[in-house]
Amino acid sequence: KEASTYRGYKKVCATHLMPAFAKIEIQDLQPAVIRKWIRNLSCTTKTAANILTPLRAVIEQALVDQYIKENPLNSIIIDKL
């Protein structure tokens, strides 16, 4: 199961996250940018939440490492988009 989960996250990163966010510094990642990107995804709310899982992990690590002071995902409610 772990290997398939890793492959799934790797695919999400390559397909969705890297094209959208690779050129944005983590401290410059604003909720409005993420919100706009989520609105442009053609998928269900559940799939959007799954796509955000690896991004959430990166943001959490950036918080721990003190690259950022707050999580831009905290102000995004996917169900409302």
N, C-alpha and C. Protein backbone atom coordinates (compact mmCIF):
# COMPACT_ATOMS: atom_id res chain seq x y z
N LYS A 1 0.82 -1.20 0.00
CA LYS A 1 0.00 0.00 0.00
C LYS A 1 0.87 1.26 0.00
N GLU A 2 1.94 1.26 0.77
CA GLU A 2 2.79 2.45 0.85
C GLU A 2 3.38 2.81 -0.51
N ALA A 3 3.79 1.80 -1.27
CA ALA A 3 4.37 2.06 -2.59
C ALA A 3 3.35 2.68 -3.53
N SER A 4 2.12 2.20 -3.51
CA SER A 4 1.10 2.76 -4.39
C SER A 4 0.72 4.17 -3.95
N THR A 5 0.72 4.42 -2.64
CA THR A 5 0.45 5.77 -2.14
C THR A 5 1.54 6.72 -2.62
N TYR A 6 2.78 6.29 -2.50
CA TYR A 6 3.91 7.11 -2.96
C TYR A 6 3.78 7.40 -4.45
N ARG A 7 3.47 6.37 -5.24
CA ARG A 7 3.31 6.58 -6.69
C ARG A 7 2.19 7.57 -6.98
N GLY A 8 1.10 7.45 -6.22
CA GLY A 8 -0.02 8.37 -6.41
C GLY A 8 0.38 9.80 -6.11
N TYR A 9 1.08 10.01 -5.00
CA TYR A 9 1.53 11.36 -4.64
C TYR A 9 2.52 11.90 -5.67
N LYS A 10 3.41 11.03 -6.14
CA LYS A 10 4.39 11.44 -7.14
C LYS A 10 3.69 11.90 -8.43
N LYS A 11 2.65 11.16 -8.81
CA LYS A 11 1.89 11.52 -10.01
C LYS A 11 1.17 12.85 -9.82
N VAL A 12 0.56 13.04 -8.64
CA VAL A 12 -0.13 14.30 -8.33
C VAL A 12 0.85 15.47 -8.39
N CYS A 13 2.03 15.26 -7.84
CA CYS A 13 3.05 16.32 -7.86
C CYS A 13 3.45 16.67 -9.29
N ALA A 14 3.71 15.65 -10.10
CA ALA A 14 4.14 15.87 -11.48
C ALA A 14 3.03 16.47 -12.35
N THR A 15 1.82 16.00 -12.14
CA THR A 15 0.70 16.41 -12.99
C THR A 15 0.09 17.75 -12.58
N HIS A 16 -0.04 17.97 -11.29
CA HIS A 16 -0.78 19.14 -10.82
C HIS A 16 0.07 20.18 -10.08
N LEU A 17 0.81 19.73 -9.09
CA LEU A 17 1.47 20.68 -8.18
C LEU A 17 2.69 21.36 -8.80
N MET A 18 3.57 20.59 -9.40
CA MET A 18 4.78 21.20 -9.98
C MET A 18 4.45 22.19 -11.10
N PRO A 19 3.56 21.83 -12.04
CA PRO A 19 3.23 22.84 -13.07
C PRO A 19 2.63 24.12 -12.50
N ALA A 20 1.88 23.99 -11.43
CA ALA A 20 1.20 25.16 -10.87
C ALA A 20 2.08 25.99 -9.94
N PHE A 21 2.94 25.32 -9.16
CA PHE A 21 3.61 26.01 -8.05
C PHE A 21 5.14 25.96 -8.06
N ALA A 22 5.74 25.30 -9.01
CA ALA A 22 7.20 25.12 -8.99
C ALA A 22 7.97 26.44 -8.99
N LYS A 23 7.42 27.45 -9.62
CA LYS A 23 8.14 28.73 -9.73
C LYS A 23 7.81 29.71 -8.62
N ILE A 24 6.97 29.28 -7.67
CA ILE A 24 6.57 30.16 -6.57
C ILE A 24 7.33 29.77 -5.31
N GLU A 25 8.02 30.72 -4.71
CA GLU A 25 8.70 30.48 -3.44
C GLU A 25 7.65 30.20 -2.37
N ILE A 26 7.94 29.31 -1.45
CA ILE A 26 6.96 28.90 -0.44
C ILE A 26 6.44 30.10 0.37
N GLN A 27 7.30 31.06 0.66
CA GLN A 27 6.85 32.22 1.43
C GLN A 27 5.97 33.16 0.61
N ASP A 28 5.94 32.97 -0.71
CA ASP A 28 5.11 33.79 -1.58
C ASP A 28 3.79 33.10 -1.96
N LEU A 29 3.58 31.90 -1.46
CA LEU A 29 2.38 31.14 -1.79
C LEU A 29 1.19 31.68 -0.99
N GLN A 30 0.32 32.38 -1.67
CA GLN A 30 -0.82 33.04 -1.03
C GLN A 30 -2.10 32.22 -1.17
N PRO A 31 -2.99 32.31 -0.19
CA PRO A 31 -4.27 31.59 -0.28
C PRO A 31 -5.03 31.88 -1.57
N ALA A 32 -5.01 33.13 -2.02
CA ALA A 32 -5.76 33.50 -3.23
C ALA A 32 -5.24 32.74 -4.45
N VAL A 33 -3.94 32.53 -4.52
CA VAL A 33 -3.33 31.79 -5.64
C VAL A 33 -3.79 30.34 -5.60
N ILE A 34 -3.76 29.75 -4.43
CA ILE A 34 -4.19 28.35 -4.27
C ILE A 34 -5.67 28.22 -4.57
N ARG A 35 -6.46 29.15 -4.06
CA ARG A 35 -7.92 29.13 -4.27
C ARG A 35 -8.25 29.18 -5.76
N LYS A 36 -7.60 30.08 -6.47
CA LYS A 36 -7.84 30.23 -7.92
C LYS A 36 -7.47 28.94 -8.64
N TRP A 37 -6.35 28.35 -8.26
CA TRP A 37 -5.91 27.10 -8.89
C TRP A 37 -6.90 25.98 -8.62
N ILE A 38 -7.40 25.88 -7.39
CA ILE A 38 -8.38 24.83 -7.05
C ILE A 38 -9.65 25.01 -7.88
N ARG A 39 -10.10 26.25 -8.03
CA ARG A 39 -11.31 26.50 -8.82
C ARG A 39 -11.15 26.04 -10.26
N ASN A 40 -9.93 26.08 -10.78
CA ASN A 40 -9.69 25.70 -12.17
C ASN A 40 -9.47 24.20 -12.36
N LEU A 41 -9.41 23.45 -11.27
CA LEU A 41 -9.30 21.99 -11.39
C LEU A 41 -10.65 21.44 -11.84
N SER A 42 -10.63 20.49 -12.76
CA SER A 42 -11.90 19.87 -13.18
C SER A 42 -12.03 18.53 -12.46
N CYS A 43 -12.45 18.59 -11.22
CA CYS A 43 -12.56 17.36 -10.45
C CYS A 43 -13.52 17.56 -9.28
N THR A 44 -13.79 16.47 -8.59
CA THR A 44 -14.67 16.54 -7.43
C THR A 44 -13.93 17.18 -6.25
N THR A 45 -14.69 17.54 -5.24
CA THR A 45 -14.11 18.11 -4.03
C THR A 45 -13.15 17.12 -3.37
N LYS A 46 -13.54 15.84 -3.36
CA LYS A 46 -12.69 14.82 -2.75
C LYS A 46 -11.36 14.69 -3.50
N THR A 47 -11.42 14.70 -4.82
CA THR A 47 -10.19 14.61 -5.61
C THR A 47 -9.32 15.84 -5.38
N ALA A 48 -9.93 17.02 -5.32
CA ALA A 48 -9.16 18.25 -5.04
C ALA A 48 -8.47 18.13 -3.69
N ALA A 49 -9.17 17.62 -2.69
CA ALA A 49 -8.57 17.44 -1.36
C ALA A 49 -7.40 16.46 -1.43
N ASN A 50 -7.57 15.39 -2.20
CA ASN A 50 -6.48 14.42 -2.36
C ASN A 50 -5.28 15.03 -3.07
N ILE A 51 -5.53 15.87 -4.06
CA ILE A 51 -4.45 16.55 -4.78
C ILE A 51 -3.68 17.47 -3.84
N LEU A 52 -4.39 18.06 -2.88
CA LEU A 52 -3.75 18.98 -1.94
C LEU A 52 -2.92 18.28 -0.87
N THR A 53 -3.07 16.98 -0.71
CA THR A 53 -2.37 16.26 0.36
C THR A 53 -0.85 16.45 0.31
N PRO A 54 -0.19 16.23 -0.83
CA PRO A 54 1.27 16.45 -0.85
C PRO A 54 1.65 17.92 -0.64
N LEU A 55 0.84 18.84 -1.15
CA LEU A 55 1.11 20.27 -0.94
C LEU A 55 1.01 20.60 0.54
N ARG A 56 0.00 20.03 1.19
CA ARG A 56 -0.17 20.25 2.64
C ARG A 56 1.06 19.78 3.41
N ALA A 57 1.62 18.63 3.00
CA ALA A 57 2.81 18.09 3.67
C ALA A 57 4.01 19.03 3.50
N VAL A 58 4.18 19.57 2.30
CA VAL A 58 5.28 20.51 2.04
C VAL A 58 5.11 21.77 2.88
N ILE A 59 3.89 22.27 2.93
CA ILE A 59 3.61 23.49 3.71
C ILE A 59 3.85 23.23 5.20
N GLU A 60 3.42 22.08 5.69
CA GLU A 60 3.64 21.74 7.10
C GLU A 60 5.13 21.69 7.41
N GLN A 61 5.93 21.12 6.50
CA GLN A 61 7.37 21.06 6.72
C GLN A 61 7.99 22.46 6.70
N ALA A 62 7.49 23.31 5.81
CA ALA A 62 7.98 24.70 5.76
C ALA A 62 7.66 25.44 7.06
N LEU A 63 6.52 25.13 7.66
CA LEU A 63 6.18 25.72 8.97
C LEU A 63 7.14 25.25 10.04
N VAL A 64 7.39 23.95 10.08
CA VAL A 64 8.30 23.37 11.07
C VAL A 64 9.70 23.96 10.91
N ASP A 65 10.14 24.10 9.66
CA ASP A 65 11.48 24.64 9.38
C ASP A 65 11.53 26.16 9.45
N GLN A 66 10.39 26.78 9.74
CA GLN A 66 10.26 28.23 9.92
C GLN A 66 10.56 29.04 8.66
N TYR A 67 10.27 28.45 7.50
CA TYR A 67 10.34 29.22 6.25
C TYR A 67 9.12 30.13 6.12
N ILE A 68 8.02 29.68 6.73
CA ILE A 68 6.79 30.46 6.73
C ILE A 68 6.23 30.49 8.15
N LYS A 69 5.39 31.50 8.42
CA LYS A 69 4.84 31.66 9.76
C LYS A 69 3.41 31.13 9.87
N GLU A 70 2.70 31.08 8.74
CA GLU A 70 1.34 30.54 8.77
C GLU A 70 1.05 29.72 7.52
N ASN A 71 0.08 28.83 7.66
CA ASN A 71 -0.27 27.92 6.59
C ASN A 71 -1.31 28.57 5.68
N PRO A 72 -0.97 28.81 4.39
CA PRO A 72 -1.92 29.44 3.49
C PRO A 72 -3.16 28.58 3.22
N LEU A 73 -3.08 27.28 3.50
CA LEU A 73 -4.24 26.41 3.30
C LEU A 73 -5.27 26.55 4.41
N ASN A 74 -4.87 27.13 5.55
CA ASN A 74 -5.79 27.26 6.67
C ASN A 74 -7.00 28.14 6.34
N SER A 75 -6.83 29.06 5.42
CA SER A 75 -7.94 29.96 5.11
C SER A 75 -8.72 29.53 3.86
N ILE A 76 -8.51 28.28 3.45
CA ILE A 76 -9.21 27.75 2.28
C ILE A 76 -10.14 26.63 2.70
N ILE A 77 -11.40 26.78 2.36
CA ILE A 77 -12.38 25.72 2.63
C ILE A 77 -12.80 25.17 1.25
N ILE A 78 -12.31 23.98 0.95
CA ILE A 78 -12.51 23.41 -0.38
C ILE A 78 -13.98 23.27 -0.72
N ASP A 79 -14.79 22.87 0.24
CA ASP A 79 -16.22 22.69 -0.02
C ASP A 79 -16.90 23.97 -0.50
N LYS A 80 -16.36 25.12 -0.13
CA LYS A 80 -16.96 26.40 -0.51
C LYS A 80 -16.53 26.85 -1.89
N LEU A 81 -15.54 26.15 -2.47
CA LEU A 81 -15.09 26.53 -3.81
C LEU A 81 -15.87 25.75 -4.83
